[in-house]
């Protein structure tokens, strides 16, 4: 039995192509959602008078790919803080949104949006609501990028590679070793940072000036947390990232230690202390700075990712 979800993410050519590549997606159809005019034409939609959003209807097998995985892919393909704009396209028809017809999907969508909103500091502009209506677009819009390989597309091509592996393999488990094992495996500094919430010295740590392509994994479990494509030189003295690989990998907790009010960042699955997140990051990337201790991470360069079992993440790094 197939499920259906609707994604509005700017020009539907790229969004349709993206989801058509996902194993488990049986069909992706470009169209117009929430129009106040029945069966609108592309020309009508472009005027903005219909209030329709260019949207892709995605029919998928939930046993092969989950709604959470589809939403995660969607978030990577859009600018979630842009209002009525994606890529070079401007207008209400290019707004972002996730629309559903199954009430069971509401909680999943709401939770994903809430997590993204927290990550962005309340600036998420992605609509999320029950679908009002959907009308398939004209035939020449369907599979446009297959018919016109050089056609305009605002979606990063690296995501097309990622889409082909979304949901195709069982999720790898990253269990946390017991304390005795961790104490043997970690250096004293790594233990104190990850398990006791200590902070390493600024400018005197392993990854402050590491800018090769690769991923950063939880030092305690090996679970991927951050990608080099989100790392930047903030000048703070510690590795800085604009976002984690996925919001659900991170727990954000109120920290009132040292006479300050800060937001602590922990690895959601292992509980390891990572660092803190601050609202002074690059505005163009969401405005957040994840200030992370090098001692809580292990860096795996791009050329070693496949041999170490992280080949599925290469698409995130090659941006």
Protein backbone atom coordinates (compact mmCIF):
# COMPACT_ATOMS: atom_id res chain seq x y z
CA UNK A 1 0.00 0.00 0.00
CA UNK A 2 1.33 3.40 -1.00
CA UNK A 3 1.30 6.61 1.02
CA UNK A 4 1.19 10.12 -0.43
CA UNK A 5 2.80 13.39 0.64
CA UNK A 6 3.12 16.75 -1.14
CA UNK A 7 6.26 18.91 -1.22
CA UNK A 8 6.40 22.54 -2.39
CA UNK A 9 10.03 23.55 -2.78
CA UNK A 10 10.32 26.18 -5.48
CA UNK A 11 10.46 25.23 -9.14
CA UNK A 12 8.90 21.78 -9.35
CA UNK A 13 11.24 20.55 -12.08
CA UNK A 14 14.11 19.89 -9.66
CA UNK A 15 11.94 18.75 -6.75
CA UNK A 16 10.13 16.22 -8.95
CA UNK A 17 13.40 14.86 -10.30
CA UNK A 18 14.85 14.61 -6.78
CA UNK A 19 12.03 12.48 -5.40
CA UNK A 20 11.69 10.39 -8.54
CA UNK A 21 15.19 9.04 -7.81
CA UNK A 22 14.33 7.76 -4.33
CA UNK A 23 13.95 3.97 -4.13
CA UNK A 24 10.48 3.31 -2.78
CA UNK A 25 8.91 6.29 -4.55
CA UNK A 26 6.56 4.90 -7.17
CA UNK A 27 5.61 8.23 -8.73
CA UNK A 28 6.41 11.93 -8.40
CA UNK A 29 4.02 14.30 -10.17
CA UNK A 30 4.56 18.04 -10.69
CA UNK A 31 1.51 20.16 -10.09
CA UNK A 32 -0.19 23.04 -8.32
CA UNK A 33 -1.39 22.88 -4.71
CA UNK A 34 -3.91 24.97 -2.78
CA UNK A 35 -5.13 26.90 -5.80
CA UNK A 36 -8.15 29.17 -5.50
CA UNK A 37 -8.81 28.57 -9.19
CA UNK A 38 -9.83 25.06 -10.38
CA UNK A 39 -7.40 23.41 -12.82
CA UNK A 40 -5.08 26.41 -13.13
CA UNK A 41 -2.68 26.71 -16.03
CA UNK A 42 1.01 27.45 -15.64
CA UNK A 43 0.42 30.91 -17.08
CA UNK A 44 -2.27 31.60 -14.48
CA UNK A 45 -0.13 30.33 -11.63
CA UNK A 46 2.75 32.57 -12.70
CA UNK A 47 0.59 35.67 -12.22
CA UNK A 48 0.21 34.86 -8.53
CA UNK A 49 -3.55 35.34 -8.77
CA UNK A 50 -4.32 31.67 -8.08
CA UNK A 51 -2.26 31.57 -4.85
CA UNK A 52 -1.17 28.09 -5.95
CA UNK A 53 2.23 26.69 -5.02
CA UNK A 54 4.34 24.65 -7.42
CA UNK A 55 4.21 21.28 -5.66
CA UNK A 56 5.21 17.66 -6.20
CA UNK A 57 2.91 14.81 -5.26
CA UNK A 58 5.01 11.89 -3.99
CA UNK A 59 3.58 8.38 -3.82
CA UNK A 60 5.85 6.09 -1.82
CA UNK A 61 6.09 2.70 -0.16
CA UNK A 62 6.52 3.30 3.60
CA UNK A 63 8.20 -0.09 3.94
CA UNK A 64 10.97 1.08 1.63
CA UNK A 65 11.36 4.74 2.67
CA UNK A 66 9.88 6.59 5.61
CA UNK A 67 8.16 9.96 5.66
CA UNK A 68 10.90 11.22 8.00
CA UNK A 69 13.51 10.28 5.41
CA UNK A 70 11.61 12.05 2.63
CA UNK A 71 11.21 15.17 4.76
CA UNK A 72 14.91 15.09 5.63
CA UNK A 73 15.79 14.99 1.94
CA UNK A 74 13.35 17.82 1.23
CA UNK A 75 14.90 20.05 3.90
CA UNK A 76 18.31 19.59 2.30
CA UNK A 77 16.92 20.70 -1.09
CA UNK A 78 15.42 24.02 0.00
CA UNK A 79 16.31 27.28 1.68
CA UNK A 80 13.97 26.92 4.68
CA UNK A 81 14.09 30.57 5.72
CA UNK A 82 13.32 32.09 2.31
CA UNK A 83 9.82 33.51 1.87
CA UNK A 84 8.25 33.14 -1.58
CA UNK A 85 11.64 32.47 -3.12
CA UNK A 86 13.86 29.50 -4.01
CA UNK A 87 16.93 29.73 -6.18
CA UNK A 88 16.41 32.31 -8.91
CA UNK A 89 12.62 32.13 -8.66
CA UNK A 90 10.54 34.69 -6.79
CA UNK A 91 6.78 34.66 -6.21
CA UNK A 92 4.14 33.08 -4.01
CA UNK A 93 4.08 30.05 -6.32
CA UNK A 94 7.66 29.30 -5.20
CA UNK A 95 6.95 29.21 -1.46
CA UNK A 96 7.89 26.11 0.51
CA UNK A 97 5.50 23.72 2.17
CA UNK A 98 4.63 20.18 3.17
CA UNK A 99 0.99 19.22 2.65
CA UNK A 100 -0.72 15.99 3.66
CA UNK A 101 -4.05 14.23 3.28
CA UNK A 102 -3.56 11.54 5.93
CA UNK A 103 -4.12 12.85 9.47
CA UNK A 104 -1.59 10.29 10.71
CA UNK A 105 1.11 12.26 8.87
CA UNK A 106 0.33 15.50 10.72
CA UNK A 107 2.32 14.61 13.85
CA UNK A 108 5.36 13.51 11.81
CA UNK A 109 5.34 16.67 9.73
CA UNK A 110 4.75 18.93 12.73
CA UNK A 111 7.60 17.34 14.67
CA UNK A 112 10.01 17.73 11.75
CA UNK A 113 9.05 21.38 11.27
CA UNK A 114 9.39 22.09 14.99
CA UNK A 115 12.87 20.57 15.05
CA UNK A 116 13.93 22.60 12.03
CA UNK A 117 12.43 25.76 13.54
CA UNK A 118 14.45 25.25 16.73
CA UNK A 119 17.57 24.71 14.67
CA UNK A 120 16.92 27.93 12.73
CA UNK A 121 16.05 30.01 15.75
CA UNK A 122 12.37 30.39 14.85
CA UNK A 123 12.96 31.48 11.25
CA UNK A 124 11.55 28.46 9.42
CA UNK A 125 9.26 29.58 6.58
CA UNK A 126 8.02 26.14 5.49
CA UNK A 127 4.22 25.86 5.50
CA UNK A 128 2.71 22.65 6.88
CA UNK A 129 -0.98 21.92 6.70
CA UNK A 130 -3.62 19.59 5.26
CA UNK A 131 -3.77 19.76 1.48
CA UNK A 132 -6.67 21.81 0.09
CA UNK A 133 -6.36 20.65 -3.51
CA UNK A 134 -3.83 19.48 -6.08
CA UNK A 135 -3.92 19.72 -9.86
CA UNK A 136 -1.26 18.01 -12.05
CA UNK A 137 0.76 20.42 -14.16
CA UNK A 138 0.83 20.36 -17.95
CA UNK A 139 2.51 17.38 -19.56
CA UNK A 140 5.59 19.32 -20.67
CA UNK A 141 6.39 19.98 -16.99
CA UNK A 142 6.35 16.28 -16.08
CA UNK A 143 9.83 14.70 -15.89
CA UNK A 144 11.18 17.95 -17.31
CA UNK A 145 14.80 17.33 -16.37
CA UNK A 146 14.71 13.86 -17.92
CA UNK A 147 13.52 15.41 -21.16
CA UNK A 148 15.86 18.41 -20.83
CA UNK A 149 19.01 17.32 -18.95
CA UNK A 150 20.50 20.79 -19.20
CA UNK A 151 17.36 22.52 -18.00
CA UNK A 152 17.19 24.97 -15.12
CA UNK A 153 17.31 23.36 -11.67
CA UNK A 154 17.82 25.03 -8.30
CA UNK A 155 18.47 21.74 -6.47
CA UNK A 156 22.11 20.92 -5.68
CA UNK A 157 23.12 18.01 -7.99
CA UNK A 158 24.85 16.28 -5.06
CA UNK A 159 21.40 15.63 -3.60
CA UNK A 160 20.45 13.54 -6.62
CA UNK A 161 23.17 11.07 -5.63
CA UNK A 162 21.94 11.13 -2.06
CA UNK A 163 18.34 10.55 -3.19
CA UNK A 164 19.32 7.29 -4.87
CA UNK A 165 20.45 5.85 -1.52
CA UNK A 166 17.68 7.27 0.68
CA UNK A 167 15.90 4.50 2.53
CA UNK A 168 17.61 1.71 0.59
CA UNK A 169 19.59 0.13 3.43
CA UNK A 170 18.84 -0.90 7.01
CA UNK A 171 19.80 1.85 9.42
CA UNK A 172 23.22 1.22 10.91
CA UNK A 173 23.19 1.07 14.69
CA UNK A 174 25.64 3.17 16.69
CA UNK A 175 25.41 1.74 20.23
CA UNK A 176 27.13 3.55 23.08
CA UNK A 177 29.82 1.42 24.76
CA UNK A 178 29.72 1.10 28.54
CA UNK A 179 31.72 3.53 30.66
CA UNK A 180 34.58 1.11 31.26
CA UNK A 181 35.04 0.57 27.53
CA UNK A 182 34.81 4.29 26.81
CA UNK A 183 37.40 5.14 29.42
CA UNK A 184 39.82 2.71 27.80
CA UNK A 185 39.05 3.93 24.28
CA UNK A 186 38.99 7.70 24.84
CA UNK A 187 41.78 10.04 25.81
CA UNK A 188 41.39 11.77 29.18
CA UNK A 189 40.37 14.97 27.40
CA UNK A 190 37.80 13.18 25.21
CA UNK A 191 36.33 11.53 28.30
CA UNK A 192 36.08 14.77 30.27
CA UNK A 193 34.51 16.65 27.36
CA UNK A 194 31.98 14.06 26.25
CA UNK A 195 31.08 12.56 29.63
CA UNK A 196 31.68 15.41 32.07
CA UNK A 197 30.76 18.41 29.93
CA UNK A 198 34.19 20.02 30.01
CA UNK A 199 35.46 22.37 27.31
CA UNK A 200 38.80 22.04 25.52
CA UNK A 201 41.13 24.99 24.97
CA UNK A 202 40.24 27.33 22.07
CA UNK A 203 42.61 27.49 19.11
CA UNK A 204 44.50 24.51 20.54
CA UNK A 205 42.44 21.57 19.34
CA UNK A 206 42.49 19.12 16.47
CA UNK A 207 39.80 20.39 14.09
CA UNK A 208 39.65 24.18 14.51
CA UNK A 209 41.57 24.60 11.24
CA UNK A 210 40.45 21.39 9.52
CA UNK A 211 38.66 22.25 6.27
CA UNK A 212 39.11 19.17 4.11
CA UNK A 213 36.00 17.48 2.77
CA UNK A 214 34.65 14.77 5.02
CA UNK A 215 32.32 14.03 7.92
CA UNK A 216 32.60 14.44 11.66
CA UNK A 217 31.31 11.53 13.74
CA UNK A 218 30.55 11.09 17.43
CA UNK A 219 33.85 10.05 19.04
CA UNK A 220 31.99 7.70 21.40
CA UNK A 221 29.87 5.79 18.86
CA UNK A 222 30.95 6.68 15.32
CA UNK A 223 27.56 8.11 14.40
CA UNK A 224 27.80 10.88 11.73
CA UNK A 225 26.86 14.28 13.18
CA UNK A 226 28.29 17.05 10.98
CA UNK A 227 29.47 17.42 7.39
CA UNK A 228 32.33 19.54 6.10
CA UNK A 229 29.88 21.32 3.77
CA UNK A 230 28.40 22.99 6.89
CA UNK A 231 31.75 23.89 8.51
CA UNK A 232 33.12 27.42 8.39
CA UNK A 233 35.86 29.52 9.99
CA UNK A 234 34.07 31.47 12.71
CA UNK A 235 37.25 32.62 14.46
CA UNK A 236 35.93 31.33 17.79
CA UNK A 237 38.75 28.84 18.30
CA UNK A 238 36.64 25.69 17.99
CA UNK A 239 35.14 23.85 14.99
CA UNK A 240 32.01 25.73 13.90
CA UNK A 241 29.12 24.37 11.84
CA UNK A 242 25.95 26.00 10.55
CA UNK A 243 23.87 22.86 11.10
CA UNK A 244 24.08 19.16 11.94
CA UNK A 245 23.52 16.50 9.29
CA UNK A 246 19.97 16.10 10.62
CA UNK A 247 18.16 17.90 13.46
CA UNK A 248 17.19 14.62 15.12
CA UNK A 249 20.86 13.78 15.73
CA UNK A 250 21.20 16.64 18.20
CA UNK A 251 19.64 17.46 21.57
CA UNK A 252 19.65 21.10 22.65
CA UNK A 253 19.47 21.74 26.43
CA UNK A 254 19.41 24.86 28.59
CA UNK A 255 22.80 25.39 30.27
CA UNK A 256 23.08 27.81 33.20
CA UNK A 257 26.61 26.86 34.26
CA UNK A 258 29.40 29.41 34.78
CA UNK A 259 26.91 32.21 35.42
CA UNK A 260 25.68 32.19 31.81
CA UNK A 261 22.55 31.09 30.00
CA UNK A 262 23.53 29.05 26.95
CA UNK A 263 22.19 26.22 24.82
CA UNK A 264 24.16 23.02 25.24
CA UNK A 265 24.45 20.59 22.34
CA UNK A 266 24.54 16.84 22.98
CA UNK A 267 24.52 13.85 20.63
CA UNK A 268 20.91 12.66 20.78
CA UNK A 269 21.67 8.93 20.75
CA UNK A 270 24.82 8.68 22.86
CA UNK A 271 24.26 11.62 25.20
CA UNK A 272 27.81 12.84 24.62
CA UNK A 273 28.42 16.52 25.32
CA UNK A 274 29.46 18.22 22.08
CA UNK A 275 29.48 21.96 22.76
CA UNK A 276 27.00 24.83 22.46
CA UNK A 277 24.93 26.53 19.77
CA UNK A 278 24.80 30.32 19.38
CA UNK A 279 22.61 32.65 17.26
CA UNK A 280 25.57 34.45 15.65
CA UNK A 281 26.23 32.21 12.66
CA UNK A 282 26.06 33.18 8.97
CA UNK A 283 22.61 34.63 8.31
CA UNK A 284 22.59 33.19 4.80
CA UNK A 285 22.90 29.69 6.32
CA UNK A 286 20.23 30.06 9.00
CA UNK A 287 22.07 32.22 11.52
CA UNK A 288 23.33 29.49 13.88
CA UNK A 289 26.83 28.60 15.03
CA UNK A 290 27.29 25.10 16.41
CA UNK A 291 30.47 25.54 18.42
CA UNK A 292 31.73 21.99 18.90
CA UNK A 293 34.68 20.55 20.81
CA UNK A 294 37.17 18.72 18.61
CA UNK A 295 37.53 16.17 21.41
CA UNK A 296 33.93 15.07 20.92
CA UNK A 297 34.43 14.31 17.24
CA UNK A 298 36.40 12.12 14.87
CA UNK A 299 37.00 13.44 11.36
CA UNK A 300 36.83 11.05 8.41
CA UNK A 301 38.18 12.58 5.16
CA UNK A 302 36.24 12.10 1.95
CA UNK A 303 38.75 9.66 0.47
CA UNK A 304 38.33 7.29 3.45
CA UNK A 305 34.57 7.56 3.94
CA UNK A 306 33.64 4.61 1.76
CA UNK A 307 36.20 2.21 3.21
CA UNK A 308 35.12 3.12 6.75
CA UNK A 309 31.48 2.45 5.98
CA UNK A 310 30.24 6.01 5.44
CA UNK A 311 29.80 5.92 1.67
CA UNK A 312 26.11 6.82 1.96
CA UNK A 313 27.12 10.25 3.24
CA UNK A 314 29.42 11.23 0.38
CA UNK A 315 26.62 13.17 -1.33
CA UNK A 316 26.45 15.51 1.67
CA UNK A 317 30.15 16.20 1.55
CA UNK A 318 30.54 16.79 -2.19
CA UNK A 319 28.66 20.10 -2.23
